[in-house]
């Protein structure tokens, strides 16, 4: 979405006012809440008088006016003050106390938004610097009415502001939001198999994002569903850890007419705000490769005490990367298949595909996902797609209601070549998906077929067990001075050769192959005295994504390389002769 340049430049003109009294990294603390305040101010403007009259009438009748005020405002919030931002301009000397009184007159959910921004602190600071009136006046004079700036544009403005302020203060902007075109792709993939259901009149579905940021994923999902079926309703739920992002997400949802008690503040992994709930659809872009040491105690406690009745029964990844914890969290929120099931999309980096050998937490989580037939597809995206990292990323599409033709299968799509260069880089983001790329990837997923283009595979389909293997431990005997195997005289191994620990080796045998057959053909010809210690055999799972799309390019003929080298050598000799001449 292209942000209205006038709006963007206006907001930066406010930054000019703050320069000197505020550090650059603090501009957002003023501009973000004021933008939200002005938006809410404009949204309530048409019903302002009606709300005040209703309040007076209900209070005269001795009734609690709140439910009547919501109806009159036509929104999920209201303000009972006779003031608005324009009226505040009429009394320059009392701007601080009047602004506070105006804020206090909002309904409780809105007050919570401004508390998350710690807006009262900024009012004090601006007043002290003699800037409060000027800044308030700036915002009072910009029109942010929904007829002028749509909800989608407003969401894009918030995201742009957060990105810029995060950039200035060297924070990770990508923690706050996901590029819109990536969300559109994920939403397409999520809804594609349900188009028929979603176009029925009066459809209501639930959507959840455990790392909601400013609410971009929820908003795009809602826009997409509205384009499929204007009568459909998406009830949105989210949880967010960053207070400013949480405040913006809540404000955005409030204006969209969502029940904002479904937007929870806090750490999703250590303090699940959606305990016991499940959802039809879910989307998430959790932080990549972030360690979970700070919340390790709570996570391990839940895993040990609740097991599969909690979220982390399948296993725990290493503390240095919590990505797979978010995957398990989402799995725990899936509506049971008997009640209609769930589908979700999550963006992860490469490590959850292959990190950790057989028996490790990561491998056990992959094993759980594949043995329970939960992964529909994994789509590899181009590098340089996200604002805060240039690394390769992958969208996992997970479902407990796979269509019949997908059962027992996993589709891999290599979309790493599907990109166009951006006119202007944004942080680490240099590439973007065009609408055509999004359609192409969606079609590849929907058609569920193997496909190559120009001899290069793009879509591949595997059986789930193709990614599993047995890690076998191969032992060789300890030899005596005469070169004969030493035989154990005690314990479990009595009467058997003593294994030589320094010669011990492991082999990964695909689940589709018989271990003994593999051992006879691949190991015994090279080590006739070897044997398998079956007690140490472990099952592992990994998804070597890139290996399945690798195309071998034979080296050029030697004669061609020799001719090229000779040409270079001849040119160097001519240049040397030129220097000595």
Protein backbone atom coordinates (compact mmCIF):
# COMPACT_ATOMS: atom_id res chain seq x y z
CA UNK A 1 0.00 0.00 0.00
CA UNK A 2 1.42 3.43 -0.95
CA UNK A 3 1.02 5.84 1.93
CA UNK A 4 -0.46 9.23 1.13
CA UNK A 5 2.71 11.39 0.81
CA UNK A 6 0.93 14.44 2.29
CA UNK A 7 0.11 12.45 5.41
CA UNK A 8 3.65 11.17 5.73
CA UNK A 9 5.18 14.63 5.25
CA UNK A 10 2.70 16.16 7.72
CA UNK A 11 3.73 13.66 10.37
CA UNK A 12 7.41 14.46 9.75
CA UNK A 13 6.66 18.17 10.06
CA UNK A 14 5.65 17.38 13.67
CA UNK A 15 9.08 15.78 14.13
CA UNK A 16 10.62 19.14 13.16
CA UNK A 17 8.80 20.73 16.10
CA UNK A 18 10.21 18.14 18.49
CA UNK A 19 13.80 18.46 17.32
CA UNK A 20 16.05 19.68 20.12
CA UNK A 21 13.66 18.96 22.98
CA UNK A 22 13.36 15.28 22.07
CA UNK A 23 15.95 12.77 20.89
CA UNK A 24 15.16 11.39 17.43
CA UNK A 25 14.57 7.95 18.95
CA UNK A 26 11.78 9.46 21.13
CA UNK A 27 9.73 11.08 18.34
CA UNK A 28 7.51 8.01 18.12
CA UNK A 29 6.46 8.34 21.76
CA UNK A 30 4.68 11.58 20.82
CA UNK A 31 3.68 11.07 17.19
CA UNK A 32 2.17 7.58 17.46
CA UNK A 33 -0.32 8.30 20.29
CA UNK A 34 -1.27 11.69 18.81
CA UNK A 35 -1.96 10.01 15.44
CA UNK A 36 -4.19 7.45 17.19
CA UNK A 37 -5.91 10.22 19.19
CA UNK A 38 -6.66 12.27 16.10
CA UNK A 39 -7.96 9.20 14.26
CA UNK A 40 -10.36 8.37 17.12
CA UNK A 41 -11.33 12.06 17.34
CA UNK A 42 -12.27 12.09 13.62
CA UNK A 43 -14.13 8.76 13.80
CA UNK A 44 -16.35 10.04 16.66
CA UNK A 45 -16.92 13.52 15.18
CA UNK A 46 -20.21 12.80 13.29
CA UNK A 47 -21.97 11.34 16.37
CA UNK A 48 -20.44 13.63 19.01
CA UNK A 49 -23.53 15.75 19.68
CA UNK A 50 -25.90 12.77 19.71
CA UNK A 51 -23.69 11.01 22.31
CA UNK A 52 -23.64 14.08 24.60
CA UNK A 53 -27.43 14.47 24.39
CA UNK A 54 -27.94 10.75 25.08
CA UNK A 55 -25.62 10.94 28.10
CA UNK A 56 -27.55 13.88 29.58
CA UNK A 57 -30.93 12.19 28.95
CA UNK A 58 -29.93 8.85 30.50
CA UNK A 59 -28.32 10.48 33.53
CA UNK A 60 -31.49 12.53 34.10
CA UNK A 61 -33.41 9.24 34.07
CA UNK A 62 -30.94 7.80 36.62
CA UNK A 63 -29.64 5.14 34.20
CA UNK A 64 -26.10 3.96 33.42
CA UNK A 65 -25.55 5.66 30.03
CA UNK A 66 -22.71 3.38 28.76
CA UNK A 67 -24.65 0.80 26.63
CA UNK A 68 -26.75 3.61 25.09
CA UNK A 69 -23.64 5.67 24.28
CA UNK A 70 -22.05 2.81 22.34
CA UNK A 71 -25.20 2.53 20.25
CA UNK A 72 -25.30 6.29 19.61
CA UNK A 73 -21.60 6.52 18.68
CA UNK A 74 -22.02 3.70 16.17
CA UNK A 75 -18.59 2.44 17.28
CA UNK A 76 -17.19 0.12 19.96
CA UNK A 77 -16.02 3.19 21.91
CA UNK A 78 -17.18 6.70 22.77
CA UNK A 79 -16.12 9.97 24.42
CA UNK A 80 -18.35 11.88 26.85
CA UNK A 81 -16.41 15.14 26.93
CA UNK A 82 -17.88 18.24 25.22
CA UNK A 83 -14.29 18.85 24.02
CA UNK A 84 -12.54 17.54 20.94
CA UNK A 85 -9.09 18.42 19.53
CA UNK A 86 -10.43 21.43 17.57
CA UNK A 87 -12.17 22.84 20.69
CA UNK A 88 -9.02 22.35 22.76
CA UNK A 89 -7.37 24.98 20.54
CA UNK A 90 -9.71 27.65 21.97
CA UNK A 91 -8.01 27.69 25.39
CA UNK A 92 -4.25 27.83 24.99
CA UNK A 93 -3.58 28.51 28.69
CA UNK A 94 -5.31 25.33 29.90
CA UNK A 95 -4.33 22.98 27.07
CA UNK A 96 -2.72 20.40 29.44
CA UNK A 97 -5.60 19.94 31.87
CA UNK A 98 -8.22 20.10 29.09
CA UNK A 99 -6.38 17.46 27.04
CA UNK A 100 -6.23 15.20 30.11
CA UNK A 101 -9.95 15.71 30.79
CA UNK A 102 -10.72 14.88 27.15
CA UNK A 103 -8.60 11.69 27.33
CA UNK A 104 -10.26 10.66 30.60
CA UNK A 105 -13.72 10.90 28.97
CA UNK A 106 -12.99 8.04 26.53
CA UNK A 107 -14.45 4.59 27.21
CA UNK A 108 -12.14 2.25 29.23
CA UNK A 109 -10.71 0.32 26.25
CA UNK A 110 -9.43 3.56 24.69
CA UNK A 111 -7.93 4.75 27.98
CA UNK A 112 -6.01 1.44 28.13
CA UNK A 113 -4.54 2.19 24.68
CA UNK A 114 -3.15 5.55 25.85
CA UNK A 115 -1.85 4.03 29.08
CA UNK A 116 0.11 1.52 26.98
CA UNK A 117 1.60 4.50 25.11
CA UNK A 118 2.36 6.15 28.51
CA UNK A 119 0.81 9.22 26.92
CA UNK A 120 0.39 11.16 30.17
CA UNK A 121 4.19 11.24 30.54
CA UNK A 122 4.48 12.79 27.07
CA UNK A 123 1.79 15.40 27.83
CA UNK A 124 3.88 16.49 30.86
CA UNK A 125 7.10 16.55 28.85
CA UNK A 126 5.58 18.54 25.96
CA UNK A 127 3.99 21.03 28.39
CA UNK A 128 7.33 21.52 30.14
CA UNK A 129 9.05 22.17 26.79
CA UNK A 130 6.29 24.64 25.79
CA UNK A 131 5.36 22.43 22.82
CA UNK A 132 2.03 20.90 23.88
CA UNK A 133 -0.22 23.50 22.26
CA UNK A 134 1.75 23.57 18.98
CA UNK A 135 1.84 19.78 18.63
CA UNK A 136 -1.88 19.41 19.50
CA UNK A 137 -2.72 22.15 17.02
CA UNK A 138 -0.77 20.38 14.26
CA UNK A 139 -2.83 17.21 14.76
CA UNK A 140 -6.12 19.10 15.18
CA UNK A 141 -5.64 20.48 11.68
CA UNK A 142 -5.19 17.18 9.83
CA UNK A 143 -8.24 15.23 8.68
CA UNK A 144 -7.97 11.53 9.52
CA UNK A 145 -11.65 10.75 9.02
CA UNK A 146 -12.23 7.23 7.58
CA UNK A 147 -13.85 8.81 4.48
CA UNK A 148 -10.53 10.57 3.80
CA UNK A 149 -8.05 7.94 5.07
CA UNK A 150 -9.31 4.34 4.84
CA UNK A 151 -8.64 1.76 7.57
CA UNK A 152 -6.15 0.01 5.28
CA UNK A 153 -4.28 3.30 4.62
CA UNK A 154 -4.30 4.10 8.32
CA UNK A 155 -2.81 0.70 9.14
CA UNK A 156 -0.09 1.31 6.55
CA UNK A 157 0.62 4.75 8.10
CA UNK A 158 1.07 3.20 11.55
CA UNK A 159 3.41 0.57 10.15
CA UNK A 160 5.45 3.12 8.22
CA UNK A 161 5.80 5.28 11.35
CA UNK A 162 6.88 2.38 13.53
CA UNK A 163 9.40 1.27 10.89
CA UNK A 164 10.90 4.76 10.64
CA UNK A 165 11.08 5.29 14.39
CA UNK A 166 12.55 1.82 14.91
CA UNK A 167 15.16 2.55 12.22
CA UNK A 168 16.12 5.86 13.87
CA UNK A 169 16.58 4.20 17.26
CA UNK A 170 18.29 1.12 15.74
CA UNK A 171 15.57 -1.22 16.92
CA UNK A 172 14.39 -4.21 14.93
CA UNK A 173 11.52 -2.95 12.83
CA UNK A 174 10.73 -6.48 11.68
CA UNK A 175 9.65 -7.36 15.21
CA UNK A 176 6.68 -5.07 14.73
CA UNK A 177 5.30 -6.02 11.34
CA UNK A 178 5.48 -8.18 8.24
CA UNK A 179 5.56 -6.91 4.62
CA UNK A 180 2.00 -6.65 3.33
CA UNK A 181 2.61 -8.73 0.20
CA UNK A 182 3.94 -11.63 2.32
CA UNK A 183 0.77 -11.46 4.44
CA UNK A 184 -1.39 -11.42 1.28
CA UNK A 185 0.34 -14.56 0.06
CA UNK A 186 -0.15 -16.28 3.43
CA UNK A 187 -3.82 -15.31 3.56
CA UNK A 188 -4.33 -16.60 -0.01
CA UNK A 189 -2.77 -19.93 0.93
CA UNK A 190 -4.85 -20.11 4.09
CA UNK A 191 -8.21 -19.47 2.43
CA UNK A 192 -7.73 -21.11 -0.99
CA UNK A 193 -9.19 -24.50 -0.08
CA UNK A 194 -12.14 -22.91 1.73
CA UNK A 195 -13.37 -20.47 -0.94
CA UNK A 196 -16.72 -22.25 -1.24
CA UNK A 197 -17.39 -22.22 2.51
CA UNK A 198 -16.27 -18.61 2.91
CA UNK A 199 -18.60 -17.31 0.20
CA UNK A 200 -21.78 -18.54 1.94
CA UNK A 201 -23.91 -15.78 3.49
CA UNK A 202 -23.49 -15.00 7.19
CA UNK A 203 -20.23 -16.95 7.61
CA UNK A 204 -18.38 -16.23 10.88
CA UNK A 205 -14.81 -17.45 11.33
CA UNK A 206 -12.15 -16.82 13.98
CA UNK A 207 -8.59 -15.70 13.26
CA UNK A 208 -5.66 -15.54 15.73
CA UNK A 209 -2.15 -14.06 15.61
CA UNK A 210 0.01 -14.84 18.69
CA UNK A 211 2.63 -12.27 17.60
CA UNK A 212 0.18 -9.63 16.44
CA UNK A 213 2.48 -6.59 16.16
CA UNK A 214 0.38 -3.68 14.91
CA UNK A 215 -2.31 -6.08 13.65
CA UNK A 216 -1.26 -6.14 9.98
CA UNK A 217 -1.86 -9.87 9.49
CA UNK A 218 -5.32 -9.69 11.04
CA UNK A 219 -6.23 -6.62 8.96
CA UNK A 220 -5.12 -8.12 5.64
CA UNK A 221 -6.98 -11.35 6.44
CA UNK A 222 -10.13 -9.34 7.13
CA UNK A 223 -9.77 -7.32 3.89
CA UNK A 224 -9.24 -10.52 1.90
CA UNK A 225 -12.29 -12.25 3.38
CA UNK A 226 -14.40 -9.13 2.75
CA UNK A 227 -13.36 -9.23 -0.92
CA UNK A 228 -14.47 -12.89 -1.14
CA UNK A 229 -17.70 -12.31 0.76
CA UNK A 230 -18.81 -8.91 2.12
CA UNK A 231 -21.29 -10.72 4.41
CA UNK A 232 -18.62 -12.90 6.04
CA UNK A 233 -17.26 -11.90 9.42
CA UNK A 234 -13.83 -12.59 10.83
CA UNK A 235 -13.61 -12.39 14.63
CA UNK A 236 -10.01 -11.41 15.35
CA UNK A 237 -7.81 -12.36 18.29
CA UNK A 238 -4.21 -11.46 18.99
CA UNK A 239 -1.49 -11.14 21.60
CA UNK A 240 1.44 -8.71 21.50
CA UNK A 241 4.46 -8.13 23.71
CA UNK A 242 5.54 -4.62 22.63
CA UNK A 243 3.36 -1.99 24.39
CA UNK A 244 3.30 0.51 21.49
CA UNK A 245 2.51 -2.17 18.88
CA UNK A 246 -0.19 -3.54 21.21
CA UNK A 247 -1.71 -0.06 21.58
CA UNK A 248 -1.78 0.49 17.80
CA UNK A 249 -3.19 -2.98 17.13
CA UNK A 250 -5.93 -2.39 19.70
CA UNK A 251 -6.77 1.06 18.28
CA UNK A 252 -6.89 -0.35 14.74
CA UNK A 253 -9.18 -3.22 15.79
CA UNK A 254 -11.40 -0.81 17.73
CA UNK A 255 -11.96 1.35 14.65
CA UNK A 256 -12.66 -1.80 12.57
CA UNK A 257 -15.48 -2.74 14.94
CA UNK A 258 -13.74 -5.71 16.53
CA UNK A 259 -14.13 -6.74 20.17
CA UNK A 260 -10.79 -5.45 21.51
CA UNK A 261 -10.98 -7.59 24.65
CA UNK A 262 -9.67 -10.25 22.21
CA UNK A 263 -6.38 -8.32 21.86
CA UNK A 264 -4.17 -9.31 24.79
CA UNK A 265 -0.96 -7.71 26.07
CA UNK A 266 1.92 -9.92 27.18
CA UNK A 267 4.35 -12.70 26.24
CA UNK A 268 2.47 -15.42 24.35
CA UNK A 269 4.91 -18.19 25.29
CA UNK A 270 5.20 -17.57 29.04
CA UNK A 271 1.74 -16.08 29.60
CA UNK A 272 -0.80 -17.49 27.16
CA UNK A 273 -3.64 -14.97 26.95
CA UNK A 274 -5.83 -17.40 24.97
CA UNK A 275 -5.75 -20.35 27.36
CA UNK A 276 -8.27 -23.03 26.39
CA UNK A 277 -9.34 -21.31 23.12
CA UNK A 278 -9.09 -22.66 19.59
CA UNK A 279 -9.46 -21.00 16.20
CA UNK A 280 -10.42 -21.62 12.55
CA UNK A 281 -7.41 -19.78 11.11
CA UNK A 282 -4.11 -18.50 12.48
CA UNK A 283 -1.21 -16.47 11.11
CA UNK A 284 2.13 -15.64 12.70
CA UNK A 285 5.52 -14.15 11.94
CA UNK A 286 7.39 -14.78 15.20
CA UNK A 287 10.83 -13.22 15.75
CA UNK A 288 13.54 -15.27 14.01
CA UNK A 289 16.14 -17.07 16.09
CA UNK A 290 15.34 -15.30 19.37
CA UNK A 291 16.51 -17.04 22.51
CA UNK A 292 14.00 -17.89 25.26
CA UNK A 293 16.33 -17.94 28.28
CA UNK A 294 14.30 -15.27 30.14
CA UNK A 295 11.20 -17.47 30.12
CA UNK A 296 12.95 -20.85 30.24
CA UNK A 297 11.67 -21.71 33.72
CA UNK A 298 7.97 -21.24 32.78
CA UNK A 299 8.34 -23.13 29.48
CA UNK A 300 10.15 -26.13 31.02
CA UNK A 301 7.67 -26.21 33.88
CA UNK A 302 4.72 -26.40 31.45
CA UNK A 303 6.46 -29.06 29.33
CA UNK A 304 7.25 -31.24 32.38
CA UNK A 305 3.99 -30.81 34.29
CA UNK A 306 1.46 -30.83 31.44
CA UNK A 307 3.19 -32.81 28.68
CA UNK A 308 0.81 -33.28 25.75
CA UNK A 309 -2.01 -31.65 27.75
CA UNK A 310 0.00 -28.42 27.51
CA UNK A 311 1.58 -26.80 24.47
CA UNK A 312 5.08 -28.28 24.49
CA UNK A 313 4.52 -32.05 24.74
CA UNK A 314 6.37 -32.99 21.51
CA UNK A 315 9.67 -31.44 22.69
CA UNK A 316 11.61 -28.25 23.33
CA UNK A 317 14.08 -26.64 20.90
CA UNK A 318 17.45 -25.32 22.07
CA UNK A 319 17.29 -22.15 24.19
CA UNK A 320 19.03 -20.08 21.51
CA UNK A 321 16.04 -20.26 19.10
CA UNK A 322 12.39 -20.18 20.16
CA UNK A 323 10.82 -20.34 16.66
CA UNK A 324 9.48 -23.86 17.08
CA UNK A 325 7.84 -22.93 20.40
CA UNK A 326 5.53 -20.61 18.43
CA UNK A 327 4.78 -23.45 16.00
CA UNK A 328 3.77 -25.72 18.91
CA UNK A 329 1.76 -22.89 20.50
CA UNK A 330 -0.27 -22.56 17.29
CA UNK A 331 -0.76 -26.34 17.04
CA UNK A 332 -2.26 -26.24 20.55
CA UNK A 333 -4.80 -23.63 19.36
CA UNK A 334 -6.08 -25.70 16.43
CA UNK A 335 -9.79 -26.45 16.49
CA UNK A 336 -10.21 -30.25 16.72
CA UNK A 337 -10.75 -31.86 13.31
CA UNK A 338 -14.14 -33.25 14.47
CA UNK A 339 -15.30 -29.64 15.05
CA UNK A 340 -14.21 -28.46 11.61
CA UNK A 341 -10.45 -28.27 12.14
CA UNK A 342 -7.96 -25.44 11.56
CA UNK A 343 -5.37 -24.16 9.15
CA UNK A 344 -2.51 -21.80 9.94
CA UNK A 345 0.47 -20.15 8.28
CA UNK A 346 3.71 -19.30 10.09
CA UNK A 347 6.89 -17.66 8.76
CA UNK A 348 10.10 -19.29 10.01
CA UNK A 349 13.76 -19.08 9.07
CA UNK A 350 15.69 -22.11 7.79
CA UNK A 351 16.87 -23.60 11.09
CA UNK A 352 13.54 -25.25 12.12
CA UNK A 353 13.76 -27.34 8.92
CA UNK A 354 16.97 -29.16 9.79
CA UNK A 355 18.62 -28.07 13.07
CA UNK A 356 19.15 -30.86 15.61
CA UNK A 357 19.88 -34.55 15.05
CA UNK A 358 17.67 -37.56 15.86
CA UNK A 359 16.28 -37.38 19.40
CA UNK A 360 16.86 -33.60 19.74
CA UNK A 361 13.96 -31.31 20.65
CA UNK A 362 13.83 -29.85 17.13
CA UNK A 363 13.80 -33.28 15.46
CA UNK A 364 11.11 -34.54 17.86
CA UNK A 365 8.91 -31.52 17.02
CA UNK A 366 9.33 -32.17 13.27
CA UNK A 367 8.59 -35.84 13.93
CA UNK A 368 5.37 -34.93 15.74
CA UNK A 369 4.29 -32.57 12.94
CA UNK A 370 4.95 -35.10 10.16
CA UNK A 371 3.82 -38.31 11.88
CA UNK A 372 0.54 -36.55 12.72
CA UNK A 373 0.26 -35.40 9.08
CA UNK A 374 -0.09 -31.71 10.00
CA UNK A 375 2.13 -29.98 7.42
CA UNK A 376 0.50 -29.29 4.04
CA UNK A 377 3.27 -27.28 2.41
CA UNK A 378 6.47 -25.32 2.99
CA UNK A 379 7.19 -22.42 0.64
CA UNK A 380 10.72 -21.03 0.36
CA UNK A 381 10.69 -17.25 -0.13
CA UNK A 382 13.38 -15.05 -1.71
CA UNK A 383 16.08 -13.56 0.53
CA UNK A 384 15.88 -9.82 1.44
CA UNK A 385 12.09 -9.93 1.87
CA UNK A 386 11.91 -8.68 5.46
CA UNK A 387 12.79 -5.31 6.97
CA UNK A 388 15.17 -6.60 9.63
CA UNK A 389 16.93 -9.56 7.98
CA UNK A 390 18.17 -10.67 4.59
CA UNK A 391 18.11 -14.41 5.37
CA UNK A 392 16.04 -17.10 3.67
CA UNK A 393 12.55 -17.53 5.09
CA UNK A 394 9.88 -20.18 4.74
CA UNK A 395 6.09 -20.20 5.09
CA UNK A 396 4.74 -23.36 6.71
CA UNK A 397 1.07 -24.13 5.98
CA UNK A 398 -0.24 -26.41 8.72
CA UNK A 399 -3.66 -28.09 8.89
CA UNK A 400 -5.50 -30.85 10.73
CA UNK A 401 -8.12 -31.07 7.98
CA UNK A 402 -6.09 -31.87 4.88
CA UNK A 403 -8.02 -32.58 1.68
CA UNK A 404 -7.98 -36.29 0.73
CA UNK A 405 -5.31 -35.89 -2.00
CA UNK A 406 -2.90 -34.21 0.42
CA UNK A 407 -3.16 -36.82 3.19
CA UNK A 408 0.22 -38.30 4.08
CA UNK A 409 1.96 -35.83 1.73
CA UNK A 410 4.07 -32.69 2.06
CA UNK A 411 4.49 -30.19 -0.78
CA UNK A 412 7.67 -28.12 -1.06
CA UNK A 413 7.55 -25.01 -3.26
CA UNK A 414 10.75 -23.15 -4.10
CA UNK A 415 9.62 -19.56 -4.70
CA UNK A 416 13.09 -18.10 -4.07
CA UNK A 417 13.25 -16.79 -7.65
CA UNK A 418 9.81 -15.13 -7.50
CA UNK A 419 10.64 -11.49 -6.81
CA UNK A 420 11.05 -8.03 -8.24
CA UNK A 421 13.52 -5.40 -7.10
CA UNK A 422 12.03 -2.61 -4.99
CA UNK A 423 12.37 0.94 -6.23
CA UNK A 424 13.72 1.93 -2.82
CA UNK A 425 15.09 -0.45 -0.17
CA UNK A 426 13.45 -0.38 3.26
CA UNK A 427 15.96 -1.55 5.86
CA UNK A 428 17.07 -5.06 4.77
CA UNK A 429 14.08 -5.36 2.43
CA UNK A 430 15.26 -5.03 -1.16
CA UNK A 431 12.87 -7.42 -2.91
CA UNK A 432 9.10 -7.77 -3.06
CA UNK A 433 6.49 -10.15 -4.43
CA UNK A 434 4.37 -8.72 -7.24
CA UNK A 435 0.63 -9.57 -7.43
CA UNK A 436 1.57 -11.96 -10.28
CA UNK A 437 4.10 -13.76 -8.07
CA UNK A 438 1.48 -14.12 -5.32
CA UNK A 439 -1.03 -15.58 -7.83
CA UNK A 440 1.59 -17.93 -9.24
CA UNK A 441 2.61 -19.32 -5.82
CA UNK A 442 -1.06 -19.61 -4.78
CA UNK A 443 -1.80 -21.55 -7.98
CA UNK A 444 1.19 -23.89 -7.44
CA UNK A 445 -0.13 -24.65 -3.96
CA UNK A 446 -3.73 -25.03 -5.11
CA UNK A 447 -2.93 -27.34 -8.03
CA UNK A 448 -0.81 -29.61 -5.80
CA UNK A 449 1.36 -31.04 -8.58
CA UNK A 450 5.07 -31.50 -9.21
CA UNK A 451 6.36 -28.85 -11.61
CA UNK A 452 9.64 -27.78 -13.20
CA UNK A 453 10.35 -24.69 -15.29
CA UNK A 454 13.34 -24.52 -17.66
CA UNK A 455 14.62 -27.76 -16.16
CA UNK A 456 14.51 -26.36 -12.60
CA UNK A 457 12.08 -27.93 -10.08
CA UNK A 458 9.64 -25.43 -8.51
CA UNK A 459 7.08 -27.70 -6.79
CA UNK A 460 7.81 -31.15 -5.35
CA UNK A 461 5.58 -33.58 -3.45
CA UNK A 462 6.84 -36.12 -0.92
CA UNK A 463 5.44 -38.70 1.46
CA UNK A 464 5.80 -37.56 5.07
CA UNK A 465 8.06 -40.52 5.92
CA UNK A 466 10.53 -39.43 3.19
CA UNK A 467 11.85 -36.92 5.73
CA UNK A 468 12.36 -39.49 8.50
CA UNK A 469 15.42 -41.62 9.18
CA UNK A 470 16.86 -44.06 11.72
CA UNK A 471 20.17 -42.97 13.21
CA UNK A 472 21.98 -46.25 13.84
CA UNK A 473 25.11 -46.60 15.96
CA UNK A 474 27.77 -48.75 14.28
CA UNK A 475 30.26 -50.40 16.64
CA UNK A 476 33.68 -51.96 15.88
CA UNK A 477 35.52 -54.28 18.29
CA UNK A 478 38.44 -53.47 20.56
CA UNK A 479 41.34 -55.69 19.44
CA UNK A 480 43.93 -57.47 21.59
CA UNK A 481 47.66 -57.54 20.83
CA UNK A 482 47.11 -60.45 18.49
CA UNK A 483 44.59 -58.40 16.50
CA UNK A 484 41.62 -60.44 17.73
CA UNK A 485 38.41 -58.90 19.17
CA UNK A 486 38.31 -58.59 22.97
CA UNK A 487 35.29 -60.39 24.48
CA UNK A 488 33.43 -58.88 27.46
CA UNK A 489 33.30 -61.10 30.58
CA UNK A 490 30.68 -59.19 32.58
CA UNK A 491 27.46 -57.16 32.45
CA UNK A 492 24.94 -56.92 29.65
CA UNK A 493 27.57 -57.42 26.98
CA UNK A 494 29.00 -60.63 28.48
CA UNK A 495 30.23 -62.97 25.76
CA UNK A 496 30.07 -60.22 23.10
CA UNK A 497 32.92 -58.17 21.57
CA UNK A 498 33.96 -55.06 23.55
CA UNK A 499 33.16 -51.97 21.43
CA UNK A 500 36.01 -49.58 20.61
CA UNK A 501 34.61 -46.10 21.43
CA UNK A 502 37.11 -44.36 19.14
CA UNK A 503 35.83 -46.33 16.12
CA UNK A 504 32.15 -45.81 16.95
CA UNK A 505 30.19 -44.19 14.10
CA UNK A 506 26.59 -43.30 13.25
CA UNK A 507 24.69 -43.66 9.99
CA UNK A 508 21.35 -42.12 8.98
CA UNK A 509 19.16 -44.69 7.23
CA UNK A 510 15.99 -43.41 5.51
CA UNK A 511 12.81 -44.78 7.10
CA UNK A 512 11.82 -46.12 3.68
CA UNK A 513 14.89 -48.45 3.71
CA UNK A 514 15.36 -51.58 5.78
CA UNK A 515 18.13 -50.99 8.35
CA UNK A 516 19.66 -54.50 8.02
CA UNK A 517 19.67 -54.37 4.21
CA UNK A 518 21.34 -50.91 4.32
CA UNK A 519 23.89 -52.14 6.87
CA UNK A 520 24.82 -55.17 4.74
CA UNK A 521 25.27 -53.16 1.54
CA UNK A 522 26.72 -49.88 2.85
CA UNK A 523 28.71 -50.76 6.00
CA UNK A 524 29.80 -54.41 6.08
CA UNK A 525 31.77 -54.27 2.78
CA UNK A 526 34.02 -51.60 4.40
CA UNK A 527 34.00 -52.95 7.98
CA UNK A 528 33.25 -56.70 8.06
CA UNK A 529 33.60 -56.86 11.88
CA UNK A 530 31.06 -54.06 12.54
CA UNK A 531 27.64 -54.46 14.17
CA UNK A 532 24.65 -52.28 15.06
CA UNK A 533 23.93 -51.41 18.71
CA UNK A 534 20.12 -51.45 18.35
CA UNK A 535 19.60 -49.99 21.83
CA UNK A 536 21.03 -46.70 20.59
CA UNK A 537 18.88 -46.41 17.43
CA UNK A 538 16.89 -43.16 17.26
CA UNK A 539 14.29 -41.89 14.81
CA UNK A 540 14.92 -38.40 13.42
CA UNK A 541 13.21 -36.06 10.96
CA UNK A 542 14.66 -33.24 8.90
CA UNK A 543 13.50 -31.34 5.83
CA UNK A 544 16.58 -30.59 3.68
CA UNK A 545 14.64 -28.09 1.57
CA UNK A 546 17.44 -26.80 -0.69
CA UNK A 547 18.77 -30.29 -1.44
CA UNK A 548 15.46 -31.20 -3.07
CA UNK A 549 15.72 -28.27 -5.50
CA UNK A 550 19.42 -28.53 -6.28
CA UNK A 551 20.17 -28.94 -9.97
CA UNK A 552 23.67 -30.21 -10.83
CA UNK A 553 25.47 -28.10 -13.41
CA UNK A 554 28.36 -30.05 -14.98
CA UNK A 555 31.68 -28.18 -15.11
CA UNK A 556 32.80 -26.78 -18.45
CA UNK A 557 35.06 -28.99 -20.60
CA UNK A 558 38.76 -28.79 -19.68
CA UNK A 559 39.72 -27.72 -23.20
CA UNK A 560 37.43 -24.68 -22.92
CA UNK A 561 38.92 -23.69 -19.54
CA UNK A 562 42.49 -24.19 -20.89
CA UNK A 563 41.74 -21.98 -23.91
CA UNK A 564 40.35 -19.26 -21.60
CA UNK A 565 43.42 -19.43 -19.31
CA UNK A 566 45.74 -19.25 -22.31
CA UNK A 567 43.90 -16.14 -23.54
CA UNK A 568 44.30 -14.46 -20.12
CA UNK A 569 47.99 -15.46 -19.91
CA UNK A 570 48.66 -14.07 -23.41
CA UNK A 571 47.01 -10.74 -22.47
CA UNK A 572 49.10 -10.50 -19.28
CA UNK A 573 52.31 -11.17 -21.26
CA UNK A 574 51.40 -8.44 -23.78
CA UNK A 575 50.77 -6.00 -20.88
CA UNK A 576 54.11 -6.91 -19.23
CA UNK A 577 55.93 -6.43 -22.54
CA UNK A 578 54.24 -3.03 -22.87
CA UNK A 579 55.58 -2.00 -19.45
CA UNK A 580 59.17 -3.11 -20.16
CA UNK A 581 59.29 -1.70 -23.70
